[in-house]
């Protein structure tokens, strides 16, 4: 059985499995009781590998990678929460119960099947021995000569043995990576930089870092998604220029794909390649300096987070160095949810304006704000629409928009619709953010916004890159002059051949460009 949806097909099942031949040979020489025990174990192992194959299919489809049996079990809770927000509680319970029942049946039926086959071999030892020898000779012949069946698939298969070896190696590599990454996280070029030597070029500025959910390269270059998004970026670039703002844009290669947005956030801010949950936990428990905490460390900035996607305790606030965080329940929203998104981006931005941006920090400080926007989160149905900013109120204005929108169930399984609606969601988020800047920004406002990851494979393609756009927008020409050496594209749309950096490279480049001095002892 293949471990990806793209690999499914009859040719993959018309092969001779080496493990089956070996198991048959062993069963023929074992007494009854050991043979049955071996058959049960063999069936359970096949069940476990089948489960892992199914998990791989889902992970490749949504996260662009295979399932890690050490780290990824914790993501199943997030998957269940996503289903509940998308399809409702009843459907989620039905799916969860069905999955558990099917999983139990998988293990039980495969164990019973292998026991039955071993008994069949034992009842007909002569024919079974001849058949096993013939199958072994045929396997060796097909393997030696590289004989292939339908679709060029090799007739001799050792898929199960290879998969077991690969999983064992993955477990070893994961455990080894954990220890090695702890050492890497302790090295920090700016960790011991004195506060008065951090971000000296941004003192007095109003700096806003914003992540747009699933804002990936495909939004700008995919033939279905790009026309609308590119037009929005062009229109908004012109509108900002008319208001006195200018922008430069480039590409970052995200540490994640299709989901696990927190890995993209932490990679960008920490300057470390946070590509899995264990690395994330290690970074969050470390004192490795994040960009946001660097602002706090200066003593000249108030630091605030606005997180409409956070619906529970968020201990990461300490790592990010945020003096105050507003979560989904602290923004006064009384309107409807838009699938997973707790509130439209426009509403979250207006609340940021009313509760944070419009108020001057105490003691004459500047401010650094950290926003995570959620309206472009899958399944991209229903999508909010822009309303007059002075009519947002408590969000009730979105009730009619939500009811008139598409149903998630009508979009989530349709590739073309998903791509179309994804593009529209990005247009909405970019419009809301840049209209906020145009409406409420000032001469000292510096906006840095980027995507956290590409959308899932069904939208971005099976072989899409992990690149996301990033833009810096400001009125003060000195802010953009500081990054001239980066060779980014003017405007909100990065050129196809604009520089591409690993997301983990951004922290050091940003800190250095805006006046931070690295600690020579860190090298």
Protein backbone atom coordinates (compact mmCIF):
# COMPACT_ATOMS: atom_id res chain seq x y z
CA UNK A 1 0.00 0.00 0.00
CA UNK A 2 1.41 3.43 -0.94
CA UNK A 3 1.51 6.24 1.61
CA UNK A 4 0.27 9.08 -0.58
CA UNK A 5 -2.99 9.74 -2.40
CA UNK A 6 -1.04 10.38 -5.60
CA UNK A 7 0.43 6.87 -5.37
CA UNK A 8 -2.89 5.06 -5.07
CA UNK A 9 -3.71 2.78 -7.99
CA UNK A 10 -4.16 -0.92 -8.85
CA UNK A 11 -0.52 -1.29 -9.99
CA UNK A 12 0.73 -0.81 -6.43
CA UNK A 13 -1.33 -3.81 -5.26
CA UNK A 14 -0.30 -6.16 -8.11
CA UNK A 15 3.13 -6.95 -6.65
CA UNK A 16 4.82 -9.82 -4.82
CA UNK A 17 5.62 -8.76 -1.25
CA UNK A 18 8.90 -10.18 0.05
CA UNK A 19 7.55 -10.03 3.60
CA UNK A 20 4.63 -12.26 2.63
CA UNK A 21 6.95 -14.89 1.16
CA UNK A 22 9.19 -14.85 4.26
CA UNK A 23 6.20 -15.00 6.62
CA UNK A 24 4.77 -17.98 4.72
CA UNK A 25 8.10 -19.81 4.93
CA UNK A 26 8.36 -19.21 8.68
CA UNK A 27 4.74 -20.28 9.25
CA UNK A 28 5.39 -23.61 7.52
CA UNK A 29 8.10 -24.65 9.97
CA UNK A 30 6.57 -23.40 13.23
CA UNK A 31 4.40 -25.51 15.59
CA UNK A 32 0.77 -24.50 15.90
CA UNK A 33 0.90 -22.16 18.92
CA UNK A 34 4.02 -20.19 17.91
CA UNK A 35 2.64 -20.00 14.37
CA UNK A 36 -0.62 -18.43 15.56
CA UNK A 37 1.27 -15.99 17.78
CA UNK A 38 3.49 -15.03 14.85
CA UNK A 39 0.44 -14.60 12.60
CA UNK A 40 -1.28 -12.33 15.14
CA UNK A 41 1.86 -10.20 15.55
CA UNK A 42 2.26 -10.03 11.77
CA UNK A 43 -1.36 -8.91 11.38
CA UNK A 44 -1.01 -6.25 14.08
CA UNK A 45 2.19 -4.93 12.45
CA UNK A 46 0.40 -4.76 9.11
CA UNK A 47 -2.44 -2.88 10.81
CA UNK A 48 0.00 -0.40 12.36
CA UNK A 49 1.75 0.17 9.02
CA UNK A 50 -1.60 0.60 7.28
CA UNK A 51 -2.58 3.20 9.89
CA UNK A 52 0.73 5.01 9.36
CA UNK A 53 0.14 4.93 5.59
CA UNK A 54 -3.25 6.56 6.06
CA UNK A 55 -1.73 9.13 8.39
CA UNK A 56 0.96 9.84 5.79
CA UNK A 57 -1.73 10.44 3.17
CA UNK A 58 -3.40 13.03 5.34
CA UNK A 59 -0.16 14.71 6.35
CA UNK A 60 1.13 14.89 2.77
CA UNK A 61 -2.20 16.38 1.70
CA UNK A 62 -2.34 19.03 4.42
CA UNK A 63 1.21 19.56 5.70
CA UNK A 64 3.36 18.46 2.76
CA UNK A 65 5.28 15.85 4.78
CA UNK A 66 4.87 12.40 6.24
CA UNK A 67 3.57 11.56 9.69
CA UNK A 68 6.12 11.56 12.52
CA UNK A 69 5.11 8.89 15.06
CA UNK A 70 7.13 10.58 17.81
CA UNK A 71 5.90 14.17 17.49
CA UNK A 72 2.63 14.33 15.62
CA UNK A 73 0.09 12.63 17.87
CA UNK A 74 -0.50 15.95 19.62
CA UNK A 75 -1.75 17.43 16.34
CA UNK A 76 -4.76 15.12 16.28
CA UNK A 77 -6.45 17.32 18.90
CA UNK A 78 -5.95 20.35 16.66
CA UNK A 79 -7.38 18.38 13.73
CA UNK A 80 -10.48 17.53 15.74
CA UNK A 81 -10.92 21.18 16.77
CA UNK A 82 -10.56 22.24 13.13
CA UNK A 83 -13.23 19.74 12.04
CA UNK A 84 -15.59 20.95 14.75
CA UNK A 85 -15.17 24.58 13.70
CA UNK A 86 -15.58 23.64 10.05
CA UNK A 87 -18.27 20.93 10.01
CA UNK A 88 -19.91 21.26 13.43
CA UNK A 89 -19.88 19.20 16.62
CA UNK A 90 -22.25 16.46 15.43
CA UNK A 91 -20.30 15.72 12.25
CA UNK A 92 -17.02 15.78 14.17
CA UNK A 93 -18.25 13.28 16.76
CA UNK A 94 -19.56 11.02 13.97
CA UNK A 95 -16.24 11.19 12.12
CA UNK A 96 -14.22 10.58 15.30
CA UNK A 97 -16.31 7.59 16.38
CA UNK A 98 -16.22 6.13 12.87
CA UNK A 99 -12.44 6.54 12.76
CA UNK A 100 -11.99 4.69 16.06
CA UNK A 101 -14.32 1.86 14.98
CA UNK A 102 -12.55 1.49 11.62
CA UNK A 103 -9.17 1.51 13.36
CA UNK A 104 -10.22 -1.30 15.71
CA UNK A 105 -11.65 -3.28 12.79
CA UNK A 106 -8.42 -2.77 10.86
CA UNK A 107 -6.29 -4.36 13.56
CA UNK A 108 -8.76 -7.14 14.44
CA UNK A 109 -9.55 -8.16 10.85
CA UNK A 110 -5.92 -8.13 9.72
CA UNK A 111 -4.92 -10.29 12.71
CA UNK A 112 -7.77 -12.73 11.99
CA UNK A 113 -6.86 -12.79 8.30
CA UNK A 114 -3.21 -13.62 8.93
CA UNK A 115 -4.17 -16.36 11.43
CA UNK A 116 -6.57 -17.83 8.85
CA UNK A 117 -3.90 -17.79 6.16
CA UNK A 118 -1.36 -19.47 8.46
CA UNK A 119 -3.89 -22.20 9.25
CA UNK A 120 -4.54 -22.68 5.55
CA UNK A 121 -0.81 -23.13 4.92
CA UNK A 122 -0.57 -25.65 7.77
CA UNK A 123 -3.45 -27.74 6.39
CA UNK A 124 -1.81 -28.03 2.96
CA UNK A 125 1.94 -28.18 3.67
CA UNK A 126 2.93 -29.74 0.35
CA UNK A 127 1.22 -27.29 -1.92
CA UNK A 128 2.04 -24.41 0.44
CA UNK A 129 5.76 -25.26 0.38
CA UNK A 130 5.82 -25.49 -3.41
CA UNK A 131 3.85 -22.26 -3.75
CA UNK A 132 6.14 -20.43 -1.32
CA UNK A 133 9.27 -21.64 -3.16
CA UNK A 134 7.82 -20.59 -6.52
CA UNK A 135 6.83 -17.18 -5.14
CA UNK A 136 10.36 -16.74 -3.71
CA UNK A 137 12.02 -17.65 -7.00
CA UNK A 138 9.73 -15.34 -8.94
CA UNK A 139 10.42 -12.50 -6.48
CA UNK A 140 14.19 -12.96 -6.78
CA UNK A 141 13.96 -13.11 -10.58
CA UNK A 142 11.79 -9.97 -10.81
CA UNK A 143 14.07 -8.14 -8.39
CA UNK A 144 17.29 -9.20 -10.17
CA UNK A 145 16.08 -8.18 -13.62
CA UNK A 146 14.07 -5.14 -12.49
CA UNK A 147 10.89 -6.46 -14.07
CA UNK A 148 7.97 -4.06 -13.94
CA UNK A 149 4.20 -4.32 -14.12
CA UNK A 150 1.51 -1.77 -14.86
CA UNK A 151 2.63 1.84 -14.83
CA UNK A 152 6.30 0.88 -14.49
CA UNK A 153 5.82 -0.37 -10.91
CA UNK A 154 8.39 -3.06 -9.90
CA UNK A 155 6.80 -6.49 -9.51
CA UNK A 156 9.08 -7.41 -6.61
CA UNK A 157 8.15 -5.40 -3.53
CA UNK A 158 9.86 -4.99 -0.17
CA UNK A 159 7.67 -2.03 0.79
CA UNK A 160 6.86 -3.19 4.32
CA UNK A 161 10.48 -3.90 5.27
CA UNK A 162 11.62 -0.59 3.79
CA UNK A 163 8.82 1.27 5.59
CA UNK A 164 9.74 -0.32 8.93
CA UNK A 165 13.38 0.58 8.44
CA UNK A 166 12.48 4.15 7.44
CA UNK A 167 10.23 4.61 10.48
CA UNK A 168 12.89 3.28 12.81
CA UNK A 169 15.40 5.68 11.31
CA UNK A 170 12.89 8.53 11.61
CA UNK A 171 12.43 7.83 15.32
CA UNK A 172 16.20 7.77 15.87
CA UNK A 173 16.68 10.96 13.86
CA UNK A 174 13.90 12.72 15.78
CA UNK A 175 15.42 11.87 19.15
CA UNK A 176 18.88 12.87 17.94
CA UNK A 177 17.54 16.13 16.47
CA UNK A 178 16.03 17.08 19.80
CA UNK A 179 19.42 16.94 21.52
CA UNK A 180 21.27 18.70 18.70
CA UNK A 181 18.69 21.47 18.38
CA UNK A 182 19.00 22.30 22.08
CA UNK A 183 22.68 23.05 21.44
CA UNK A 184 21.84 25.20 18.39
CA UNK A 185 19.23 27.18 20.34
CA UNK A 186 21.84 28.14 22.94
CA UNK A 187 23.90 30.00 20.32
CA UNK A 188 22.48 33.50 19.83
CA UNK A 189 24.26 36.27 17.93
CA UNK A 190 22.14 38.95 19.63
CA UNK A 191 21.36 37.22 22.94
CA UNK A 192 23.77 39.32 25.00
CA UNK A 193 23.57 42.54 23.03
CA UNK A 194 23.06 45.44 25.48
CA UNK A 195 19.57 47.01 25.30
CA UNK A 196 20.94 50.35 24.08
CA UNK A 197 22.47 48.57 21.06
CA UNK A 198 19.26 46.90 19.89
CA UNK A 199 17.03 48.32 17.13
CA UNK A 200 18.49 51.81 17.42
CA UNK A 201 17.11 52.81 13.99
CA UNK A 202 13.52 52.08 15.02
CA UNK A 203 13.39 54.07 18.25
CA UNK A 204 10.38 56.36 18.11
CA UNK A 205 8.64 54.18 15.51
CA UNK A 206 5.29 52.45 15.76
CA UNK A 207 6.19 48.95 14.53
CA UNK A 208 3.51 46.41 13.62
CA UNK A 209 4.34 42.77 12.75
CA UNK A 210 1.44 40.92 11.13
CA UNK A 211 1.07 37.35 9.91
CA UNK A 212 -1.61 36.63 7.31
CA UNK A 213 -2.80 33.05 7.59
CA UNK A 214 -1.86 30.76 4.64
CA UNK A 215 -0.58 33.70 2.56
CA UNK A 216 1.77 31.74 0.30
CA UNK A 217 3.55 32.08 -3.01
CA UNK A 218 0.73 30.27 -4.82
CA UNK A 219 -1.62 33.18 -4.04
CA UNK A 220 0.58 35.39 -6.21
CA UNK A 221 1.62 32.93 -8.94
CA UNK A 222 -1.10 30.26 -9.29
CA UNK A 223 -3.12 30.82 -12.53
CA UNK A 224 -6.46 30.54 -10.72
CA UNK A 225 -5.60 32.46 -7.54
CA UNK A 226 -3.10 35.02 -8.82
CA UNK A 227 -5.21 37.30 -11.07
CA UNK A 228 -7.42 38.51 -8.22
CA UNK A 229 -4.65 38.63 -5.63
CA UNK A 230 -2.19 40.39 -7.94
CA UNK A 231 -4.82 42.98 -8.83
CA UNK A 232 -5.51 43.56 -5.12
CA UNK A 233 -1.80 43.98 -4.40
CA UNK A 234 -1.46 46.45 -7.27
CA UNK A 235 -4.51 48.46 -6.20
CA UNK A 236 -3.44 48.53 -2.58
CA UNK A 237 0.14 49.51 -3.50
CA UNK A 238 -1.21 52.51 -5.39
CA UNK A 239 -3.59 53.45 -2.57
CA UNK A 240 -0.79 53.31 -0.02
CA UNK A 241 1.51 55.33 -2.25
CA UNK A 242 -1.19 57.98 -2.54
CA UNK A 243 -1.29 58.07 1.28
CA UNK A 244 2.49 58.49 1.40
CA UNK A 245 3.50 54.88 2.08
CA UNK A 246 5.99 52.82 0.11
CA UNK A 247 6.83 49.13 0.32
CA UNK A 248 9.48 46.56 -0.47
CA UNK A 249 8.73 42.86 -0.78
CA UNK A 250 10.60 39.55 -0.98
CA UNK A 251 10.21 35.85 -0.25
CA UNK A 252 10.85 33.68 2.80
CA UNK A 253 10.87 29.87 2.78
CA UNK A 254 8.63 28.76 5.62
CA UNK A 255 9.55 26.04 8.11
CA UNK A 256 6.03 24.59 7.74
CA UNK A 257 3.48 23.95 5.01
CA UNK A 258 -0.28 23.77 4.92
CA UNK A 259 -0.70 24.28 8.68
CA UNK A 260 1.04 24.42 12.08
CA UNK A 261 1.21 28.20 11.73
CA UNK A 262 2.97 28.58 15.08
CA UNK A 263 6.06 26.99 13.53
CA UNK A 264 6.20 29.78 10.95
CA UNK A 265 5.66 32.47 13.58
CA UNK A 266 8.38 31.15 15.87
CA UNK A 267 10.86 30.54 13.04
CA UNK A 268 10.51 34.13 11.82
CA UNK A 269 10.78 35.68 15.24
CA UNK A 270 13.47 33.44 16.75
CA UNK A 271 15.84 33.05 13.81
CA UNK A 272 15.86 29.28 14.42
CA UNK A 273 14.51 26.64 12.03
CA UNK A 274 11.48 25.50 14.05
CA UNK A 275 10.20 22.72 11.80
CA UNK A 276 8.46 20.42 14.30
CA UNK A 277 6.62 20.43 17.60
CA UNK A 278 9.59 19.32 19.66
CA UNK A 279 11.74 22.16 18.34
CA UNK A 280 8.88 24.55 19.06
CA UNK A 281 8.68 23.41 22.70
CA UNK A 282 12.45 23.75 23.01
CA UNK A 283 12.43 27.32 21.68
CA UNK A 284 9.48 28.40 23.80
CA UNK A 285 11.30 27.16 26.92
CA UNK A 286 14.55 28.91 25.95
CA UNK A 287 15.82 32.47 26.34
CA UNK A 288 16.82 32.70 22.65
CA UNK A 289 16.00 36.29 21.70
CA UNK A 290 12.94 36.81 19.50
CA UNK A 291 12.46 39.96 17.42
CA UNK A 292 9.47 40.91 19.53
CA UNK A 293 11.35 40.41 22.78
CA UNK A 294 14.23 42.50 21.43
CA UNK A 295 11.81 45.44 21.30
CA UNK A 296 10.78 44.77 24.89
CA UNK A 297 14.40 44.42 25.96
CA UNK A 298 15.25 47.92 24.74
CA UNK A 299 12.99 49.36 27.43
CA UNK A 300 11.75 51.94 24.90
CA UNK A 301 8.78 49.99 23.54
CA UNK A 302 5.47 48.81 24.86
CA UNK A 303 4.84 45.35 23.35
CA UNK A 304 1.29 44.16 22.62
CA UNK A 305 -0.17 41.10 20.92
CA UNK A 306 -3.57 40.80 19.24
CA UNK A 307 -4.40 37.12 18.70
CA UNK A 308 -7.98 36.47 17.55
CA UNK A 309 -7.12 32.81 16.98
CA UNK A 310 -6.07 32.18 20.59
CA UNK A 311 -8.95 30.63 22.55
CA UNK A 312 -7.10 29.19 25.56
CA UNK A 313 -4.09 29.90 27.75
CA UNK A 314 -1.06 31.03 25.80
CA UNK A 315 2.16 30.69 27.83
CA UNK A 316 4.17 31.64 24.73
CA UNK A 317 3.46 35.27 25.64
CA UNK A 318 6.52 35.22 27.88
CA UNK A 319 8.87 33.98 25.16
CA UNK A 320 7.65 36.60 22.70
CA UNK A 321 8.12 39.34 25.27
CA UNK A 322 4.60 40.75 24.99
CA UNK A 323 3.50 42.98 27.85
CA UNK A 324 -0.18 42.50 27.00
CA UNK A 325 -2.07 40.03 24.79
CA UNK A 326 -5.66 40.25 23.59
CA UNK A 327 -7.13 36.83 22.74
CA UNK A 328 -10.37 35.90 20.97
CA UNK A 329 -12.49 36.56 24.06
CA UNK A 330 -11.05 39.96 24.89
CA UNK A 331 -11.94 41.81 21.70
CA UNK A 332 -15.68 42.24 22.33
CA UNK A 333 -16.81 40.35 19.23
CA UNK A 334 -20.53 39.45 19.10
CA UNK A 335 -20.76 38.40 15.47
CA UNK A 336 -20.62 34.93 13.87
CA UNK A 337 -17.57 32.74 13.39
CA UNK A 338 -16.36 32.26 9.85
CA UNK A 339 -15.54 28.55 9.98
CA UNK A 340 -12.33 28.24 12.03
CA UNK A 341 -11.75 32.00 12.16
CA UNK A 342 -13.25 33.49 15.31
CA UNK A 343 -13.78 36.94 13.76
CA UNK A 344 -13.10 38.81 10.50
CA UNK A 345 -9.70 40.43 10.12
CA UNK A 346 -11.24 43.86 9.62
CA UNK A 347 -12.95 43.63 13.01
CA UNK A 348 -9.75 42.44 14.72
CA UNK A 349 -7.84 45.35 13.17
CA UNK A 350 -10.45 47.87 14.30
CA UNK A 351 -10.23 46.48 17.82
CA UNK A 352 -6.45 46.75 17.64
CA UNK A 353 -6.92 50.36 16.63
CA UNK A 354 -9.43 51.14 19.39
CA UNK A 355 -7.74 49.26 22.23
CA UNK A 356 -4.07 49.66 21.36
CA UNK A 357 -2.94 51.72 18.40
CA UNK A 358 -5.00 54.83 19.12
CA UNK A 359 -3.65 55.07 22.67
CA UNK A 360 -0.19 56.46 23.41
CA UNK A 361 2.04 54.21 25.53
CA UNK A 362 2.90 55.31 29.02
CA UNK A 363 6.18 57.07 29.84
CA UNK A 364 6.62 58.33 26.28
CA UNK A 365 7.52 54.90 24.95
CA UNK A 366 7.07 53.72 21.37
CA UNK A 367 5.08 50.56 20.60
CA UNK A 368 5.67 47.22 18.92
CA UNK A 369 2.56 45.21 18.07
CA UNK A 370 2.27 41.58 17.03
CA UNK A 371 -0.90 40.56 15.14
CA UNK A 372 -2.02 37.18 13.81
CA UNK A 373 -4.86 37.47 11.28
CA UNK A 374 -7.08 34.43 10.67
CA UNK A 375 -9.67 35.10 7.95
CA UNK A 376 -7.65 33.33 5.25
CA UNK A 377 -7.57 30.07 7.27
CA UNK A 378 -8.89 27.01 5.46
CA UNK A 379 -11.51 25.87 4.46
CA UNK A 380 -12.06 29.40 3.03
CA UNK A 381 -15.82 29.30 3.42
CA UNK A 382 -17.62 31.40 4.31
CA UNK A 383 -15.39 34.43 3.68
CA UNK A 384 -16.12 37.83 5.28
CA UNK A 385 -16.47 40.97 3.18
CA UNK A 386 -15.29 44.50 3.85
CA UNK A 387 -17.84 46.80 5.46
CA UNK A 388 -17.56 50.53 6.25
CA UNK A 389 -15.11 50.87 9.12
CA UNK A 390 -17.46 53.07 11.12
CA UNK A 391 -20.18 50.39 10.97
CA UNK A 392 -18.23 47.50 12.50
CA UNK A 393 -19.70 47.91 15.99
CA UNK A 394 -19.60 44.65 17.94
CA UNK A 395 -19.39 42.54 14.77
CA UNK A 396 -23.12 41.82 14.42
CA UNK A 397 -22.97 43.44 10.99
CA UNK A 398 -21.29 40.24 9.75
CA UNK A 399 -24.30 38.00 10.50
CA UNK A 400 -25.89 38.50 7.10
CA UNK A 401 -22.53 38.15 5.33
CA UNK A 402 -21.81 34.87 7.09
CA UNK A 403 -25.25 33.43 6.27
CA UNK A 404 -24.96 34.41 2.61
CA UNK A 405 -21.47 32.89 2.23
CA UNK A 406 -20.51 29.45 0.97
CA UNK A 407 -20.74 26.42 3.23
CA UNK A 408 -17.46 24.83 4.20
CA UNK A 409 -18.74 21.40 3.14
CA UNK A 410 -19.34 22.72 -0.40
CA UNK A 411 -15.78 24.01 -0.75
CA UNK A 412 -13.53 21.79 1.34
CA UNK A 413 -13.61 18.78 -1.02
CA UNK A 414 -13.59 20.68 -4.33
CA UNK A 415 -10.10 21.58 -5.54
CA UNK A 416 -11.13 24.30 -7.98
CA UNK A 417 -13.51 25.97 -5.53
CA UNK A 418 -10.91 25.76 -2.78
CA UNK A 419 -8.36 27.52 -4.97
CA UNK A 420 -10.83 30.22 -5.99
CA UNK A 421 -12.07 30.87 -2.48
CA UNK A 422 -8.55 30.79 -1.03
CA UNK A 423 -7.56 33.55 -3.43
CA UNK A 424 -10.57 35.61 -2.38
CA UNK A 425 -9.72 35.16 1.31
CA UNK A 426 -6.18 36.47 0.74
CA UNK A 427 -7.59 39.46 -1.14
CA UNK A 428 -9.84 40.17 1.83
CA UNK A 429 -7.04 39.92 4.41
CA UNK A 430 -4.60 42.07 2.42
CA UNK A 431 -7.29 44.66 1.78
CA UNK A 432 -8.32 44.82 5.44
CA UNK A 433 -4.73 45.21 6.65
CA UNK A 434 -3.67 47.83 4.12
CA UNK A 435 -6.90 49.80 4.51
CA UNK A 436 -6.24 49.86 8.26
CA UNK A 437 -2.77 51.25 7.58
CA UNK A 438 -4.08 53.80 5.09
CA UNK A 439 -6.81 54.89 7.51
CA UNK A 440 -4.96 54.84 10.84
CA UNK A 441 -1.22 54.81 10.17
CA UNK A 442 1.03 57.80 10.74
CA UNK A 443 4.47 59.07 9.79
CA UNK A 444 6.13 56.74 12.28
CA UNK A 445 4.19 53.57 11.46
CA UNK A 446 6.25 50.65 10.14
CA UNK A 447 4.27 47.61 9.00
CA UNK A 448 5.93 44.25 8.41
CA UNK A 449 3.52 41.61 7.13
CA UNK A 450 4.00 38.13 5.73
CA UNK A 451 2.46 34.71 5.34
CA UNK A 452 3.08 31.90 7.80
CA UNK A 453 2.96 29.08 5.24
CA UNK A 454 1.61 27.96 1.88
CA UNK A 455 -1.97 26.61 1.75
CA UNK A 456 -2.53 22.85 1.61
CA UNK A 457 -1.41 20.78 -1.41
CA UNK A 458 -4.92 20.66 -2.86
CA UNK A 459 -4.66 24.44 -3.30
CA UNK A 460 -0.96 25.13 -3.80
CA UNK A 461 -0.14 21.94 -5.75
CA UNK A 462 1.64 18.70 -4.88
CA UNK A 463 5.07 20.10 -5.73
CA UNK A 464 4.70 23.68 -4.54
CA UNK A 465 7.53 25.48 -2.80
CA UNK A 466 7.24 26.58 0.82
CA UNK A 467 7.79 30.25 -0.04
CA UNK A 468 5.67 33.03 1.43
CA UNK A 469 5.63 36.76 0.57
CA UNK A 470 6.91 39.35 3.04
CA UNK A 471 6.58 43.15 2.81
CA UNK A 472 7.86 46.14 4.77
CA UNK A 473 5.73 49.29 4.47
CA UNK A 474 6.57 52.76 5.84
CA UNK A 475 6.32 56.50 5.15
CA UNK A 476 9.79 57.30 6.42
CA UNK A 477 12.19 56.66 3.49
CA UNK A 478 14.99 55.81 5.93
CA UNK A 479 13.10 52.67 6.98
CA UNK A 480 13.18 51.26 3.46
CA UNK A 481 16.64 52.65 2.70
CA UNK A 482 17.94 50.46 5.53
CA UNK A 483 17.04 47.34 3.53
CA UNK A 484 18.15 48.47 0.07
CA UNK A 485 20.92 45.88 0.09
CA UNK A 486 18.30 43.14 0.33
CA UNK A 487 17.30 43.81 -3.32
CA UNK A 488 13.61 43.33 -2.58
CA UNK A 489 10.93 44.37 -5.07
CA UNK A 490 9.25 47.79 -4.79
CA UNK A 491 5.56 47.47 -3.90
CA UNK A 492 3.49 44.80 -2.17
CA UNK A 493 4.01 42.08 -4.80
CA UNK A 494 7.47 40.44 -4.78
CA UNK A 495 8.82 39.64 -8.23
CA UNK A 496 9.17 36.00 -9.21
CA UNK A 497 12.96 36.29 -9.06
CA UNK A 498 13.11 38.41 -5.90
CA UNK A 499 15.54 37.07 -3.25
CA UNK A 500 14.41 33.98 -1.33
CA UNK A 501 15.72 33.44 2.21
CA UNK A 502 15.02 30.76 4.72
CA UNK A 503 12.52 32.14 7.19
CA UNK A 504 15.03 31.59 9.98
CA UNK A 505 17.42 34.09 8.32
CA UNK A 506 15.03 37.01 8.74
CA UNK A 507 15.61 37.73 12.43
CA UNK A 508 19.34 38.45 12.17
CA UNK A 509 18.97 40.40 8.91
CA UNK A 510 16.18 42.52 10.38
CA UNK A 511 17.97 43.21 13.66
CA UNK A 512 21.22 44.10 11.88
CA UNK A 513 19.50 46.33 9.29
CA UNK A 514 17.85 48.40 12.02
CA UNK A 515 20.86 49.13 14.14
CA UNK A 516 21.39 46.09 16.37
CA UNK A 517 24.95 45.10 17.22
CA UNK A 518 25.73 41.37 17.37
CA UNK A 519 27.50 40.03 20.43
CA UNK A 520 31.05 39.06 19.36
CA UNK A 521 31.19 36.39 22.09
CA UNK A 522 28.40 34.43 20.38
CA UNK A 523 30.65 33.45 17.45
